[in-house]
N, C-alpha and C. Protein backbone atom coordinates (compact mmCIF):
# COMPACT_ATOMS: atom_id res chain seq x y z
N MET A 1 112.39 89.54 110.30
CA MET A 1 111.87 88.32 109.49
C MET A 1 110.31 88.36 108.93
N GLU A 2 109.64 88.72 109.68
CA GLU A 2 108.21 89.16 109.26
C GLU A 2 108.23 90.23 108.21
N GLU A 3 108.77 91.26 108.27
CA GLU A 3 108.85 92.07 107.14
C GLU A 3 108.97 91.46 105.96
N GLU A 4 110.31 90.66 105.71
CA GLU A 4 110.40 90.16 104.55
C GLU A 4 109.38 89.37 103.91
N LEU A 5 108.91 88.18 105.08
CA LEU A 5 107.88 87.63 104.94
C LEU A 5 106.51 88.43 104.23
N ILE A 6 106.23 89.47 104.51
CA ILE A 6 105.04 90.19 104.02
C ILE A 6 105.52 90.93 102.79
N ARG A 7 106.50 91.51 102.54
CA ARG A 7 106.94 92.02 101.31
C ARG A 7 107.15 91.11 100.49
N TYR A 8 107.57 89.76 100.93
CA TYR A 8 107.52 88.80 99.46
C TYR A 8 106.25 88.46 99.24
N ILE A 9 104.99 88.48 100.37
CA ILE A 9 103.68 87.91 99.77
C ILE A 9 103.33 88.98 98.83
N ALA A 10 103.21 90.36 99.19
CA ALA A 10 102.69 91.45 98.64
C ALA A 10 103.45 91.55 97.17
N GLU A 11 104.86 91.50 97.24
CA GLU A 11 105.32 91.59 96.03
C GLU A 11 104.89 90.77 94.79
N ASN A 12 104.66 89.62 94.94
CA ASN A 12 103.78 88.67 94.28
C ASN A 12 102.83 88.76 93.92
N LEU A 13 101.95 89.58 94.64
CA LEU A 13 100.43 89.26 94.36
C LEU A 13 100.17 91.02 93.46
N VAL A 14 100.96 91.80 93.61
CA VAL A 14 100.66 93.04 93.17
C VAL A 14 101.13 93.47 92.02
N ASN A 15 100.47 94.34 91.20
CA ASN A 15 100.91 94.48 89.55
C ASN A 15 101.89 95.72 89.88
N ASP A 16 102.46 96.31 90.94
CA ASP A 16 103.43 97.34 90.75
C ASP A 16 104.23 97.11 92.40
N PRO A 17 105.33 95.66 92.22
CA PRO A 17 106.06 95.66 93.23
C PRO A 17 107.16 96.61 94.13
N SER A 18 107.26 97.78 93.11
CA SER A 18 108.11 98.62 93.31
C SER A 18 107.39 99.70 94.52
N ALA A 19 106.28 99.50 94.43
CA ALA A 19 105.59 100.70 95.59
C ALA A 19 105.21 100.02 96.72
N VAL A 20 105.74 98.56 96.97
CA VAL A 20 105.42 97.89 98.28
C VAL A 20 106.29 98.38 99.25
N LYS A 21 105.89 98.94 100.28
CA LYS A 21 106.85 99.04 101.48
C LYS A 21 106.35 98.22 102.85
N VAL A 22 106.99 98.19 103.94
CA VAL A 22 107.05 97.39 105.30
C VAL A 22 107.55 98.53 105.97
N ASN A 23 106.50 98.73 107.12
CA ASN A 23 107.28 99.70 107.98
C ASN A 23 107.10 99.08 109.53
N ARG A 24 107.93 98.76 110.17
CA ARG A 24 107.98 98.24 111.38
C ARG A 24 107.92 99.19 112.65
N ARG A 25 107.01 98.84 113.52
CA ARG A 25 106.88 99.62 114.90
C ARG A 25 106.86 98.84 115.97
N GLU A 26 107.21 99.18 117.12
CA GLU A 26 107.13 98.39 118.51
C GLU A 26 106.31 99.28 119.38
N ALA A 27 105.42 99.05 119.83
CA ALA A 27 104.35 99.24 120.93
C ALA A 27 104.52 98.22 122.04
N GLY A 28 105.35 98.68 123.26
CA GLY A 28 105.36 97.25 124.22
C GLY A 28 105.40 95.99 124.07
N ARG A 29 104.93 94.85 123.71
CA ARG A 29 104.70 93.54 123.53
C ARG A 29 104.45 93.49 121.94
N THR A 30 103.72 94.47 121.57
CA THR A 30 102.86 94.31 120.34
C THR A 30 103.92 95.14 119.30
N THR A 31 104.19 94.09 117.75
CA THR A 31 104.54 94.91 116.82
C THR A 31 103.51 95.06 115.60
N ILE A 32 103.91 96.40 114.90
CA ILE A 32 103.03 96.80 114.42
C ILE A 32 103.64 96.71 112.96
N LEU A 33 103.19 95.86 111.97
CA LEU A 33 104.03 96.04 110.49
C LEU A 33 102.74 96.68 109.58
N GLU A 34 103.12 97.91 109.04
CA GLU A 34 102.07 98.76 108.20
C GLU A 34 102.68 98.45 106.75
N LEU A 35 101.63 98.03 105.95
CA LEU A 35 102.02 97.41 104.36
C LEU A 35 101.24 98.20 103.74
N ASN A 36 102.20 99.11 102.61
CA ASN A 36 101.80 100.32 101.83
C ASN A 36 102.01 99.34 100.45
N VAL A 37 100.95 99.59 99.89
CA VAL A 37 101.12 99.45 98.57
C VAL A 37 99.98 100.31 97.53
N ALA A 38 100.45 100.47 96.19
CA ALA A 38 99.73 101.49 95.44
C ALA A 38 98.06 101.18 95.58
N GLN A 39 97.31 102.36 95.36
CA GLN A 39 95.99 102.24 95.63
C GLN A 39 95.38 101.20 94.57
N ASP A 40 96.03 101.00 93.38
CA ASP A 40 95.24 100.15 92.34
C ASP A 40 95.48 98.45 92.85
N ASP A 41 96.28 98.30 93.31
CA ASP A 41 96.73 96.93 94.12
C ASP A 41 96.01 96.88 95.18
N MET A 42 95.62 97.83 95.98
CA MET A 42 95.01 97.51 97.37
C MET A 42 93.95 96.10 97.43
N GLY A 43 93.11 96.04 96.15
CA GLY A 43 91.95 95.03 96.47
C GLY A 43 92.83 93.64 96.13
N ARG A 44 93.93 93.76 95.37
CA ARG A 44 94.81 92.53 95.33
C ARG A 44 95.13 91.97 96.81
N VAL A 45 95.74 92.94 97.46
CA VAL A 45 96.32 92.44 99.08
C VAL A 45 95.40 92.10 99.96
N ILE A 46 93.98 93.08 100.00
CA ILE A 46 92.93 92.25 100.80
C ILE A 46 92.29 91.22 100.45
N GLY A 47 92.11 90.80 98.99
CA GLY A 47 91.27 90.02 98.71
C GLY A 47 89.62 89.95 99.00
N LYS A 48 89.01 89.13 98.14
CA LYS A 48 87.87 89.05 98.53
C LYS A 48 87.51 88.54 99.97
N SER A 49 86.13 89.48 100.42
CA SER A 49 86.34 89.13 101.65
C SER A 49 87.52 89.33 102.83
N GLY A 50 88.36 89.94 102.33
CA GLY A 50 89.66 90.23 103.22
C GLY A 50 90.33 88.73 103.41
N ARG A 51 90.25 87.70 102.78
CA ARG A 51 90.90 86.41 102.85
C ARG A 51 92.27 86.36 102.59
N VAL A 52 92.69 87.36 101.53
CA VAL A 52 94.25 87.15 101.60
C VAL A 52 95.08 88.18 102.82
N ALA A 53 94.33 89.17 103.08
CA ALA A 53 95.06 89.62 104.26
C ALA A 53 94.58 89.02 105.44
N ASN A 54 93.85 88.37 105.97
CA ASN A 54 93.49 87.33 106.88
C ASN A 54 94.62 86.04 106.94
N ALA A 55 94.77 85.93 105.70
CA ALA A 55 96.08 84.51 105.71
C ALA A 55 97.43 85.16 105.91
N MET A 56 97.57 86.44 105.91
CA MET A 56 98.96 87.13 105.72
C MET A 56 98.77 87.36 107.59
N ARG A 57 97.90 87.78 108.00
CA ARG A 57 98.06 87.92 109.36
C ARG A 57 98.09 86.54 110.15
N THR A 58 97.39 85.72 109.34
CA THR A 58 97.79 84.04 110.31
C THR A 58 98.99 83.83 110.08
N LEU A 59 99.80 83.95 109.02
CA LEU A 59 101.03 83.36 109.05
C LEU A 59 102.18 84.35 109.89
N LEU A 60 101.87 85.81 110.41
CA LEU A 60 102.46 86.50 111.04
C LEU A 60 102.48 86.32 112.28
N ARG A 61 101.29 85.61 112.82
CA ARG A 61 100.86 85.29 114.32
C ARG A 61 101.70 83.91 114.14
N ALA A 62 101.58 82.85 113.57
CA ALA A 62 102.52 81.92 113.45
C ALA A 62 103.82 81.94 113.74
N SER A 63 104.52 83.14 112.89
CA SER A 63 105.85 83.76 112.93
C SER A 63 106.06 84.01 114.50
N ALA A 64 105.47 84.99 115.31
CA ALA A 64 105.66 85.74 116.29
C ALA A 64 105.51 84.66 117.53
N ASP A 65 104.42 83.88 117.30
CA ASP A 65 104.42 82.66 118.53
C ASP A 65 105.79 81.79 118.65
N ASN A 66 105.97 81.62 117.45
CA ASN A 66 107.49 80.87 117.69
C ASN A 66 108.45 81.49 118.14
N GLN A 67 108.65 82.68 117.97
CA GLN A 67 109.92 83.30 117.91
C GLN A 67 109.86 84.07 119.52
N ARG A 68 108.98 84.99 119.98
CA ARG A 68 109.22 85.79 121.25
C ARG A 68 107.89 85.67 121.92
N GLY A 69 106.69 85.26 121.42
CA GLY A 69 105.64 85.29 122.14
C GLY A 69 104.74 86.51 122.21
N GLY A 70 105.09 87.51 121.62
CA GLY A 70 104.50 88.78 121.42
C GLY A 70 103.45 88.73 120.51
N ARG A 71 102.96 89.62 120.59
CA ARG A 71 101.85 90.14 119.67
C ARG A 71 102.07 90.79 118.37
N ILE A 72 101.56 90.43 117.24
CA ILE A 72 102.05 91.19 115.98
C ILE A 72 100.69 91.51 115.26
N VAL A 73 100.65 92.69 114.85
CA VAL A 73 99.49 93.47 113.87
C VAL A 73 99.93 93.60 112.69
N LEU A 74 99.09 93.27 111.68
CA LEU A 74 99.50 93.90 110.37
C LEU A 74 98.35 95.08 110.00
N GLU A 75 98.48 95.91 109.35
CA GLU A 75 97.98 97.16 109.11
C GLU A 75 97.79 97.09 107.48
N ILE A 76 97.23 97.19 106.90
CA ILE A 76 97.35 97.44 105.32
C ILE A 76 96.83 98.90 104.89
N GLU A 77 97.49 99.98 104.69
CA GLU A 77 97.47 101.26 104.03
C GLU A 77 97.63 101.32 102.19
């Protein structure tokens, strides 16, 4: 579910939605989502002063708290 949420947000922000990729890794109770976008779209996903990235992380934390109580981390590459 978290992957689809991040993919949906990113695809609607960037100029090249076909380059959006989300990978999921598990490390104990921590879930790591890696978001990959085209280099030209990196600024759109991060946002001014990191506001867009922080908003996506906030949504992920709210989603993780409701589901299983584990920690979730978003890495933008």
